[in-house]
Amino acid sequence: MNQNDAPNAHELRIISLVYGIGINVNSIIGSGIVTAPGIIWNSVKSPGIVLLLWFIGGLISMAGSLTYVELGVKHRISGGEIKYLQTAYPGTKK
């Protein structure tokens, strides 16, 4: 770990587990979780297929969440997604 990778003592970390869960729940509700089942039901008319599609969507959501968990464990830097992108693409404007 070089000096640039070391966490800055002056950066405030305010995202706790509860706050992170709140962000995730807000994103799911905001993305139409309440209205989507009715739209899907009107398209397929099968409770089994609706539940299967719901389960597949949950797996995709879990994969996305676990991706951010892995990034957070591997790169212990403050700044969120922008820092991950700057690490992945170091030649870009900062």
PDB file of N, CA and C in Angstrom:
ATOM      1  N   MET A   1       0.853  -1.172   0.000  1.00  0.00           N
ATOM      2  CA  MET A   1       0.000   0.000   0.000  1.00  0.00           C
ATOM      3  C   MET A   1       0.897   1.232   0.000  1.00  0.00           C
ATOM      4  N   ASN A   2       0.763   2.051  -1.029  1.00  0.00           N
ATOM      5  CA  ASN A   2       1.559   3.270  -1.049  1.00  0.00           C
ATOM      6  C   ASN A   2       0.786   4.401  -0.375  1.00  0.00           C
ATOM      7  N   GLN A   3       1.403   5.561  -0.320  1.00  0.00           N
ATOM      8  CA  GLN A   3       0.817   6.672   0.423  1.00  0.00           C
ATOM      9  C   GLN A   3      -0.497   7.149  -0.194  1.00  0.00           C
ATOM     10  N   ASN A   4      -0.655   7.020  -1.523  1.00  0.00           N
ATOM     11  CA  ASN A   4      -1.883   7.461  -2.172  1.00  0.00           C
ATOM     12  C   ASN A   4      -3.061   6.545  -1.853  1.00  0.00           C
ATOM     13  N   ASP A   5      -2.775   5.274  -1.546  1.00  0.00           N
ATOM     14  CA  ASP A   5      -3.834   4.326  -1.245  1.00  0.00           C
ATOM     15  C   ASP A   5      -4.283   4.375   0.210  1.00  0.00           C
ATOM     16  N   ALA A   6      -3.485   4.980   1.075  1.00  0.00           N
ATOM     17  CA  ALA A   6      -3.811   5.015   2.500  1.00  0.00           C
ATOM     18  C   ALA A   6      -5.037   5.892   2.731  1.00  0.00           C
ATOM     19  N   PRO A   7      -5.951   5.448   3.591  1.00  0.00           N
ATOM     20  CA  PRO A   7      -7.125   6.277   3.871  1.00  0.00           C
ATOM     21  C   PRO A   7      -6.730   7.600   4.514  1.00  0.00           C
ATOM     22  N   ASN A   8      -7.389   8.650   4.092  1.00  0.00           N
ATOM     23  CA  ASN A   8      -7.142   9.976   4.638  1.00  0.00           C
ATOM     24  C   ASN A   8      -7.873  10.087   5.975  1.00  0.00           C
ATOM     25  N   ALA A   9      -7.163  10.473   7.011  1.00  0.00           N
ATOM     26  CA  ALA A   9      -7.750  10.564   8.351  1.00  0.00           C
ATOM     27  C   ALA A   9      -8.809  11.659   8.432  1.00  0.00           C
ATOM     28  N   HIS A  10      -8.793  12.605   7.492  1.00  0.00           N
ATOM     29  CA  HIS A  10      -9.729  13.718   7.541  1.00  0.00           C
ATOM     30  C   HIS A  10     -11.026  13.429   6.796  1.00  0.00           C
ATOM     31  N   GLU A  11     -11.079  12.323   6.051  1.00  0.00           N
ATOM     32  CA  GLU A  11     -12.304  11.980   5.342  1.00  0.00           C
ATOM     33  C   GLU A  11     -13.285  11.346   6.315  1.00  0.00           C
ATOM     34  N   LEU A  12     -14.503  11.827   6.290  1.00  0.00           N
ATOM     35  CA  LEU A  12     -15.527  11.357   7.205  1.00  0.00           C
ATOM     36  C   LEU A  12     -16.285  10.198   6.570  1.00  0.00           C
ATOM     37  N   ARG A  13     -16.360   9.079   7.262  1.00  0.00           N
ATOM     38  CA  ARG A  13     -17.107   7.921   6.782  1.00  0.00           C
ATOM     39  C   ARG A  13     -18.453   7.910   7.506  1.00  0.00           C
ATOM     40  N   ILE A  14     -19.523   8.184   6.754  1.00  0.00           N
ATOM     41  CA  ILE A  14     -20.828   8.275   7.389  1.00  0.00           C
ATOM     42  C   ILE A  14     -21.771   7.154   6.973  1.00  0.00           C
ATOM     43  N   ILE A  15     -21.382   6.294   6.056  1.00  0.00           N
ATOM     44  CA  ILE A  15     -22.275   5.237   5.611  1.00  0.00           C
ATOM     45  C   ILE A  15     -22.096   4.025   6.511  1.00  0.00           C
ATOM     46  N   SER A  16     -23.090   3.794   7.354  1.00  0.00           N
ATOM     47  CA  SER A  16     -23.076   2.627   8.234  1.00  0.00           C
ATOM     48  C   SER A  16     -23.877   1.514   7.561  1.00  0.00           C
ATOM     49  N   LEU A  17     -23.972   0.375   8.208  1.00  0.00           N
ATOM     50  CA  LEU A  17     -24.736  -0.741   7.665  1.00  0.00           C
ATOM     51  C   LEU A  17     -26.201  -0.358   7.483  1.00  0.00           C
ATOM     52  N   VAL A  18     -26.781   0.280   8.479  1.00  0.00           N
ATOM     53  CA  VAL A  18     -28.194   0.666   8.404  1.00  0.00           C
ATOM     54  C   VAL A  18     -28.410   1.680   7.283  1.00  0.00           C
ATOM     55  N   TYR A  19     -27.509   2.639   7.157  1.00  0.00           N
ATOM     56  CA  TYR A  19     -27.617   3.647   6.102  1.00  0.00           C
ATOM     57  C   TYR A  19     -27.482   2.989   4.726  1.00  0.00           C
ATOM     58  N   GLY A  20     -26.559   2.041   4.596  1.00  0.00           N
ATOM     59  CA  GLY A  20     -26.379   1.330   3.329  1.00  0.00           C
ATOM     60  C   GLY A  20     -27.606   0.518   2.947  1.00  0.00           C
ATOM     61  N   ILE A  21     -28.212  -0.152   3.929  1.00  0.00           N
ATOM     62  CA  ILE A  21     -29.438  -0.909   3.662  1.00  0.00           C
ATOM     63  C   ILE A  21     -30.551   0.046   3.240  1.00  0.00           C
ATOM     64  N   GLY A  22     -30.623   1.208   3.881  1.00  0.00           N
ATOM     65  CA  GLY A  22     -31.627   2.198   3.512  1.00  0.00           C
ATOM     66  C   GLY A  22     -31.466   2.683   2.080  1.00  0.00           C
ATOM     67  N   ILE A  23     -30.237   2.893   1.660  1.00  0.00           N
ATOM     68  CA  ILE A  23     -29.982   3.310   0.275  1.00  0.00           C
ATOM     69  C   ILE A  23     -30.447   2.229  -0.690  1.00  0.00           C
ATOM     70  N   ASN A  24     -30.133   0.962  -0.376  1.00  0.00           N
ATOM     71  CA  ASN A  24     -30.508  -0.145  -1.246  1.00  0.00           C
ATOM     72  C   ASN A  24     -32.027  -0.293  -1.324  1.00  0.00           C
ATOM     73  N   VAL A  25     -32.712  -0.218  -0.194  1.00  0.00           N
ATOM     74  CA  VAL A  25     -34.171  -0.327  -0.178  1.00  0.00           C
ATOM     75  C   VAL A  25     -34.790   0.828  -0.956  1.00  0.00           C
ATOM     76  N   ASN A  26     -34.269   2.024  -0.796  1.00  0.00           N
ATOM     77  CA  ASN A  26     -34.766   3.183  -1.524  1.00  0.00           C
ATOM     78  C   ASN A  26     -34.605   2.994  -3.031  1.00  0.00           C
ATOM     79  N   SER A  27     -33.495   2.438  -3.450  1.00  0.00           N
ATOM     80  CA  SER A  27     -33.268   2.201  -4.876  1.00  0.00           C
ATOM     81  C   SER A  27     -34.256   1.181  -5.426  1.00  0.00           C
ATOM     82  N   ILE A  28     -34.517   0.125  -4.656  1.00  0.00           N
ATOM     83  CA  ILE A  28     -35.443  -0.910  -5.115  1.00  0.00           C
ATOM     84  C   ILE A  28     -36.864  -0.360  -5.207  1.00  0.00           C
ATOM     85  N   ILE A  29     -37.308   0.352  -4.186  1.00  0.00           N
ATOM     86  CA  ILE A  29     -38.661   0.904  -4.204  1.00  0.00           C
ATOM     87  C   ILE A  29     -38.786   1.942  -5.313  1.00  0.00           C
ATOM     88  N   GLY A  30     -37.768   2.755  -5.471  1.00  0.00           N
ATOM     89  CA  GLY A  30     -37.794   3.784  -6.502  1.00  0.00           C
ATOM     90  C   GLY A  30     -37.759   3.227  -7.911  1.00  0.00           C
ATOM     91  N   SER A  31     -37.314   1.987  -8.066  1.00  0.00           N
ATOM     92  CA  SER A  31     -37.211   1.418  -9.407  1.00  0.00           C
ATOM     93  C   SER A  31     -38.495   0.736  -9.860  1.00  0.00           C
ATOM     94  N   GLY A  32     -39.543   0.801  -9.082  1.00  0.00           N
ATOM     95  CA  GLY A  32     -40.827   0.284  -9.532  1.00  0.00           C
ATOM     96  C   GLY A  32     -41.203  -1.067  -8.977  1.00  0.00           C
ATOM     97  N   ILE A  33     -40.674  -1.430  -7.815  1.00  0.00           N
ATOM     98  CA  ILE A  33     -40.988  -2.742  -7.250  1.00  0.00           C
ATOM     99  C   ILE A  33     -42.477  -2.875  -6.929  1.00  0.00           C
ATOM    100  N   VAL A  34     -43.150  -1.762  -6.736  1.00  0.00           N
ATOM    101  CA  VAL A  34     -44.563  -1.809  -6.391  1.00  0.00           C
ATOM    102  C   VAL A  34     -45.426  -1.984  -7.636  1.00  0.00           C
ATOM    103  N   THR A  35     -45.049  -1.378  -8.741  1.00  0.00           N
ATOM    104  CA  THR A  35     -45.869  -1.439  -9.953  1.00  0.00           C
ATOM    105  C   THR A  35     -45.465  -2.548 -10.910  1.00  0.00           C
ATOM    106  N   ALA A  36     -44.242  -3.008 -10.847  1.00  0.00           N
ATOM    107  CA  ALA A  36     -43.754  -4.006 -11.804  1.00  0.00           C
ATOM    108  C   ALA A  36     -44.511  -5.329 -11.762  1.00  0.00           C
ATOM    109  N   PRO A  37     -44.875  -5.884 -10.601  1.00  0.00           N
ATOM    110  CA  PRO A  37     -45.580  -7.173 -10.615  1.00  0.00           C
ATOM    111  C   PRO A  37     -46.899  -7.138 -11.390  1.00  0.00           C
ATOM    112  N   GLY A  38     -47.636  -6.048 -11.287  1.00  0.00           N
ATOM    113  CA  GLY A  38     -48.886  -5.937 -12.040  1.00  0.00           C
ATOM    114  C   GLY A  38     -48.649  -5.912 -13.537  1.00  0.00           C
ATOM    115  N   ILE A  39     -47.624  -5.217 -13.950  1.00  0.00           N
ATOM    116  CA  ILE A  39     -47.287  -5.155 -15.373  1.00  0.00           C
ATOM    117  C   ILE A  39     -46.862  -6.531 -15.873  1.00  0.00           C
ATOM    118  N   ILE A  40     -46.053  -7.221 -15.085  1.00  0.00           N
ATOM    119  CA  ILE A  40     -45.603  -8.564 -15.472  1.00  0.00           C
ATOM    120  C   ILE A  40     -46.785  -9.528 -15.495  1.00  0.00           C
ATOM    121  N   TRP A  41     -47.668  -9.436 -14.502  1.00  0.00           N
ATOM    122  CA  TRP A  41     -48.837 -10.316 -14.460  1.00  0.00           C
ATOM    123  C   TRP A  41     -49.698 -10.130 -15.711  1.00  0.00           C
ATOM    124  N   ASN A  42     -49.902  -8.894 -16.137  1.00  0.00           N
ATOM    125  CA  ASN A  42     -50.690  -8.634 -17.344  1.00  0.00           C
ATOM    126  C   ASN A  42     -50.036  -9.214 -18.587  1.00  0.00           C
ATOM    127  N   SER A  43     -48.726  -9.393 -18.564  1.00  0.00           N
ATOM    128  CA  SER A  43     -48.020  -9.934 -19.727  1.00  0.00           C
ATOM    129  C   SER A  43     -48.025 -11.459 -19.760  1.00  0.00           C
ATOM    130  N   VAL A  44     -47.835 -12.122 -18.612  1.00  0.00           N
ATOM    131  CA  VAL A  44     -47.650 -13.579 -18.629  1.00  0.00           C
ATOM    132  C   VAL A  44     -48.841 -14.363 -18.087  1.00  0.00           C
ATOM    133  N   LYS A  45     -49.641 -13.814 -17.197  1.00  0.00           N
ATOM    134  CA  LYS A  45     -50.835 -14.451 -16.624  1.00  0.00           C
ATOM    135  C   LYS A  45     -50.565 -15.804 -15.963  1.00  0.00           C
ATOM    136  N   SER A  46     -49.378 -15.985 -15.407  1.00  0.00           N
ATOM    137  CA  SER A  46     -49.042 -17.242 -14.732  1.00  0.00           C
ATOM    138  C   SER A  46     -48.325 -16.925 -13.422  1.00  0.00           C
ATOM    139  N   PRO A  47     -48.901 -17.358 -12.281  1.00  0.00           N
ATOM    140  CA  PRO A  47     -48.242 -17.051 -11.012  1.00  0.00           C
ATOM    141  C   PRO A  47     -46.861 -17.682 -10.893  1.00  0.00           C
ATOM    142  N   GLY A  48     -46.675 -18.863 -11.455  1.00  0.00           N
ATOM    143  CA  GLY A  48     -45.370 -19.525 -11.392  1.00  0.00           C
ATOM    144  C   GLY A  48     -44.298 -18.741 -12.131  1.00  0.00           C
ATOM    145  N   ILE A  49     -44.639 -18.253 -13.310  1.00  0.00           N
ATOM    146  CA  ILE A  49     -43.666 -17.488 -14.098  1.00  0.00           C
ATOM    147  C   ILE A  49     -43.389 -16.142 -13.438  1.00  0.00           C
ATOM    148  N   VAL A  50     -44.415 -15.520 -12.875  1.00  0.00           N
ATOM    149  CA  VAL A  50     -44.210 -14.243 -12.176  1.00  0.00           C
ATOM    150  C   VAL A  50     -43.245 -14.436 -11.013  1.00  0.00           C
ATOM    151  N   LEU A  51     -43.446 -15.504 -10.223  1.00  0.00           N
ATOM    152  CA  LEU A  51     -42.547 -15.774  -9.097  1.00  0.00           C
ATOM    153  C   LEU A  51     -41.139 -16.112  -9.574  1.00  0.00           C
ATOM    154  N   LEU A  52     -41.033 -16.859 -10.668  1.00  0.00           N
ATOM    155  CA  LEU A  52     -39.717 -17.187 -11.222  1.00  0.00           C
ATOM    156  C   LEU A  52     -38.987 -15.920 -11.670  1.00  0.00           C
ATOM    157  N   LEU A  53     -39.693 -15.034 -12.356  1.00  0.00           N
ATOM    158  CA  LEU A  53     -39.076 -13.778 -12.792  1.00  0.00           C
ATOM    159  C   LEU A  53     -38.691 -12.915 -11.594  1.00  0.00           C
ATOM    160  N   TRP A  54     -39.522 -12.917 -10.549  1.00  0.00           N
ATOM    161  CA  TRP A  54     -39.218 -12.175  -9.324  1.00  0.00           C
ATOM    162  C   TRP A  54     -37.943 -12.720  -8.683  1.00  0.00           C
ATOM    163  N   PHE A  55     -37.814 -14.050  -8.635  1.00  0.00           N
ATOM    164  CA  PHE A  55     -36.633 -14.697  -8.060  1.00  0.00           C
ATOM    165  C   PHE A  55     -35.384 -14.372  -8.880  1.00  0.00           C
ATOM    166  N   ILE A  56     -35.484 -14.424 -10.198  1.00  0.00           N
ATOM    167  CA  ILE A  56     -34.337 -14.094 -11.065  1.00  0.00           C
ATOM    168  C   ILE A  56     -33.916 -12.641 -10.853  1.00  0.00           C
ATOM    169  N   GLY A  57     -34.884 -11.747 -10.748  1.00  0.00           N
ATOM    170  CA  GLY A  57     -34.562 -10.344 -10.466  1.00  0.00           C
ATOM    171  C   GLY A  57     -33.857 -10.175  -9.133  1.00  0.00           C
ATOM    172  N   GLY A  58     -34.275 -10.950  -8.128  1.00  0.00           N
ATOM    173  CA  GLY A  58     -33.610 -10.919  -6.825  1.00  0.00           C
ATOM    174  C   GLY A  58     -32.172 -11.394  -6.905  1.00  0.00           C
ATOM    175  N   LEU A  59     -31.929 -12.439  -7.700  1.00  0.00           N
ATOM    176  CA  LEU A  59     -30.556 -12.931  -7.882  1.00  0.00           C
ATOM    177  C   LEU A  59     -29.675 -11.888  -8.562  1.00  0.00           C
ATOM    178  N   ILE A  60     -30.223 -11.214  -9.557  1.00  0.00           N
ATOM    179  CA  ILE A  60     -29.462 -10.167 -10.248  1.00  0.00           C
ATOM    180  C   ILE A  60     -29.159  -9.017  -9.289  1.00  0.00           C
ATOM    181  N   SER A  61     -30.140  -8.641  -8.474  1.00  0.00           N
ATOM    182  CA  SER A  61     -29.927  -7.581  -7.487  1.00  0.00           C
ATOM    183  C   SER A  61     -28.872  -7.984  -6.464  1.00  0.00           C
ATOM    184  N   MET A  62     -28.903  -9.241  -6.028  1.00  0.00           N
ATOM    185  CA  MET A  62     -27.916  -9.720  -5.064  1.00  0.00           C
ATOM    186  C   MET A  62     -26.518  -9.720  -5.678  1.00  0.00           C
ATOM    187  N   ALA A  63     -26.417 -10.099  -6.950  1.00  0.00           N
ATOM    188  CA  ALA A  63     -25.109 -10.087  -7.614  1.00  0.00           C
ATOM    189  C   ALA A  63     -24.544  -8.671  -7.665  1.00  0.00           C
ATOM    190  N   GLY A  64     -25.398  -7.690  -7.954  1.00  0.00           N
ATOM    191  CA  GLY A  64     -24.946  -6.303  -7.965  1.00  0.00           C
ATOM    192  C   GLY A  64     -24.503  -5.829  -6.592  1.00  0.00           C
ATOM    193  N   SER A  65     -25.263  -6.196  -5.568  1.00  0.00           N
ATOM    194  CA  SER A  65     -24.899  -5.805  -4.203  1.00  0.00           C
ATOM    195  C   SER A  65     -23.588  -6.438  -3.773  1.00  0.00           C
ATOM    196  N   LEU A  66     -23.413  -7.721  -4.082  1.00  0.00           N
ATOM    197  CA  LEU A  66     -22.182  -8.412  -3.699  1.00  0.00           C
ATOM    198  C   LEU A  66     -20.967  -7.879  -4.459  1.00  0.00           C
ATOM    199  N   THR A  67     -21.199  -7.344  -5.657  1.00  0.00           N
ATOM    200  CA  THR A  67     -20.107  -6.713  -6.397  1.00  0.00           C
ATOM    201  C   THR A  67     -19.580  -5.505  -5.634  1.00  0.00           C
ATOM    202  N   TYR A  68     -20.483  -4.684  -5.113  1.00  0.00           N
ATOM    203  CA  TYR A  68     -20.056  -3.522  -4.338  1.00  0.00           C
ATOM    204  C   TYR A  68     -19.428  -3.920  -3.011  1.00  0.00           C
ATOM    205  N   VAL A  69     -19.896  -5.008  -2.416  1.00  0.00           N
ATOM    206  CA  VAL A  69     -19.260  -5.505  -1.190  1.00  0.00           C
ATOM    207  C   VAL A  69     -17.820  -5.899  -1.483  1.00  0.00           C
ATOM    208  N   GLU A  70     -17.617  -6.624  -2.577  1.00  0.00           N
ATOM    209  CA  GLU A  70     -16.266  -7.058  -2.949  1.00  0.00           C
ATOM    210  C   GLU A  70     -15.364  -5.861  -3.245  1.00  0.00           C
ATOM    211  N   LEU A  71     -15.883  -4.861  -3.944  1.00  0.00           N
ATOM    212  CA  LEU A  71     -15.093  -3.654  -4.213  1.00  0.00           C
ATOM    213  C   LEU A  71     -14.731  -2.938  -2.918  1.00  0.00           C
ATOM    214  N   GLY A  72     -15.670  -2.868  -1.986  1.00  0.00           N
ATOM    215  CA  GLY A  72     -15.411  -2.205  -0.715  1.00  0.00           C
ATOM    216  C   GLY A  72     -14.371  -2.918   0.119  1.00  0.00           C
ATOM    217  N   VAL A  73     -14.349  -4.243   0.042  1.00  0.00           N
ATOM    218  CA  VAL A  73     -13.359  -5.010   0.801  1.00  0.00           C
ATOM    219  C   VAL A  73     -11.986  -4.902   0.155  1.00  0.00           C
ATOM    220  N   LYS A  74     -11.945  -4.952  -1.173  1.00  0.00           N
ATOM    221  CA  LYS A  74     -10.659  -4.933  -1.879  1.00  0.00           C
ATOM    222  C   LYS A  74     -10.026  -3.547  -1.892  1.00  0.00           C
ATOM    223  N   HIS A  75     -10.826  -2.512  -2.101  1.00  0.00           N
ATOM    224  CA  HIS A  75     -10.317  -1.139  -2.198  1.00  0.00           C
ATOM    225  C   HIS A  75     -10.866  -0.335  -1.026  1.00  0.00           C
ATOM    226  N   ARG A  76     -10.121  -0.244   0.029  1.00  0.00           N
ATOM    227  CA  ARG A  76     -10.573   0.466   1.237  1.00  0.00           C
ATOM    228  C   ARG A  76     -10.290   1.960   1.102  1.00  0.00           C
ATOM    229  N   ILE A  77     -11.053   2.607   0.227  1.00  0.00           N
ATOM    230  CA  ILE A  77     -10.906   4.044   0.012  1.00  0.00           C
ATOM    231  C   ILE A  77     -12.274   4.705   0.142  1.00  0.00           C
ATOM    232  N   SER A  78     -12.288   5.922   0.616  1.00  0.00           N
ATOM    233  CA  SER A  78     -13.536   6.673   0.711  1.00  0.00           C
ATOM    234  C   SER A  78     -13.814   7.332  -0.630  1.00  0.00           C
ATOM    235  N   GLY A  79     -15.072   7.526  -0.935  1.00  0.00           N
ATOM    236  CA  GLY A  79     -15.422   8.238  -2.143  1.00  0.00           C
ATOM    237  C   GLY A  79     -16.455   7.534  -2.994  1.00  0.00           C
ATOM    238  N   GLY A  80     -16.765   6.305  -2.672  1.00  0.00           N
ATOM    239  CA  GLY A  80     -17.816   5.590  -3.381  1.00  0.00           C
ATOM    240  C   GLY A  80     -17.437   5.163  -4.781  1.00  0.00           C
ATOM    241  N   GLU A  81     -18.433   5.113  -5.631  1.00  0.00           N
ATOM    242  CA  GLU A  81     -18.283   4.555  -6.970  1.00  0.00           C
ATOM    243  C   GLU A  81     -17.274   5.319  -7.823  1.00  0.00           C
ATOM    244  N   ILE A  82     -17.173   6.614  -7.648  1.00  0.00           N
ATOM    245  CA  ILE A  82     -16.226   7.386  -8.448  1.00  0.00           C
ATOM    246  C   ILE A  82     -14.795   6.944  -8.187  1.00  0.00           C
ATOM    247  N   LYS A  83     -14.478   6.599  -6.952  1.00  0.00           N
ATOM    248  CA  LYS A  83     -13.128   6.121  -6.630  1.00  0.00           C
ATOM    249  C   LYS A  83     -12.859   4.766  -7.267  1.00  0.00           C
ATOM    250  N   TYR A  84     -13.872   3.887  -7.318  1.00  0.00           N
ATOM    251  CA  TYR A  84     -13.699   2.595  -7.974  1.00  0.00           C
ATOM    252  C   TYR A  84     -13.440   2.783  -9.462  1.00  0.00           C
ATOM    253  N   LEU A  85     -14.169   3.706 -10.074  1.00  0.00           N
ATOM    254  CA  LEU A  85     -13.974   3.966 -11.502  1.00  0.00           C
ATOM    255  C   LEU A  85     -12.612   4.595 -11.774  1.00  0.00           C
ATOM    256  N   GLN A  86     -12.170   5.496 -10.894  1.00  0.00           N
ATOM    257  CA  GLN A  86     -10.845   6.097 -11.070  1.00  0.00           C
ATOM    258  C   GLN A  86      -9.745   5.065 -10.895  1.00  0.00           C
ATOM    259  N   THR A  87      -9.962   4.072 -10.034  1.00  0.00           N
ATOM    260  CA  THR A  87      -8.987   2.998  -9.869  1.00  0.00           C
ATOM    261  C   THR A  87      -8.973   2.104 -11.102  1.00  0.00           C
ATOM    262  N   ALA A  88     -10.143   1.825 -11.665  1.00  0.00           N
ATOM    263  CA  ALA A  88     -10.235   0.958 -12.843  1.00  0.00           C
ATOM    264  C   ALA A  88      -9.693   1.639 -14.097  1.00  0.00           C
ATOM    265  N   TYR A  89      -9.900   2.946 -14.215  1.00  0.00           N
ATOM    266  CA  TYR A  89      -9.469   3.708 -15.389  1.00  0.00           C
ATOM    267  C   TYR A  89      -8.571   4.852 -14.935  1.00  0.00           C
ATOM    268  N   PRO A  90      -7.302   4.569 -14.626  1.00  0.00           N
ATOM    269  CA  PRO A  90      -6.431   5.580 -14.009  1.00  0.00           C
ATOM    270  C   PRO A  90      -6.069   6.753 -14.910  1.00  0.00           C
ATOM    271  N   GLY A  91      -6.187   6.650 -16.209  1.00  0.00           N
ATOM    272  CA  GLY A  91      -5.780   7.736 -17.090  1.00  0.00           C
ATOM    273  C   GLY A  91      -6.841   8.791 -17.299  1.00  0.00           C
ATOM    274  N   THR A  92      -7.997   8.643 -16.672  1.00  0.00           N
ATOM    275  CA  THR A  92      -9.084   9.589 -16.897  1.00  0.00           C
ATOM    276  C   THR A  92      -8.932  10.826 -16.026  1.00  0.00           C
ATOM    277  N   LYS A  93      -9.700  11.854 -16.371  1.00  0.00           N
ATOM    278  CA  LYS A  93      -9.652  13.124 -15.643  1.00  0.00           C
ATOM    279  C   LYS A  93     -10.164  12.933 -14.220  1.00  0.00           C
ATOM    280  N   LYS A  94      -9.467  13.516 -13.248  1.00  0.00           N
ATOM    281  CA  LYS A  94      -9.874  13.385 -11.840  1.00  0.00           C
ATOM    282  C   LYS A  94     -10.428  14.682 -11.325  1.00  0.00           C
TER     283      LYS A  94
END
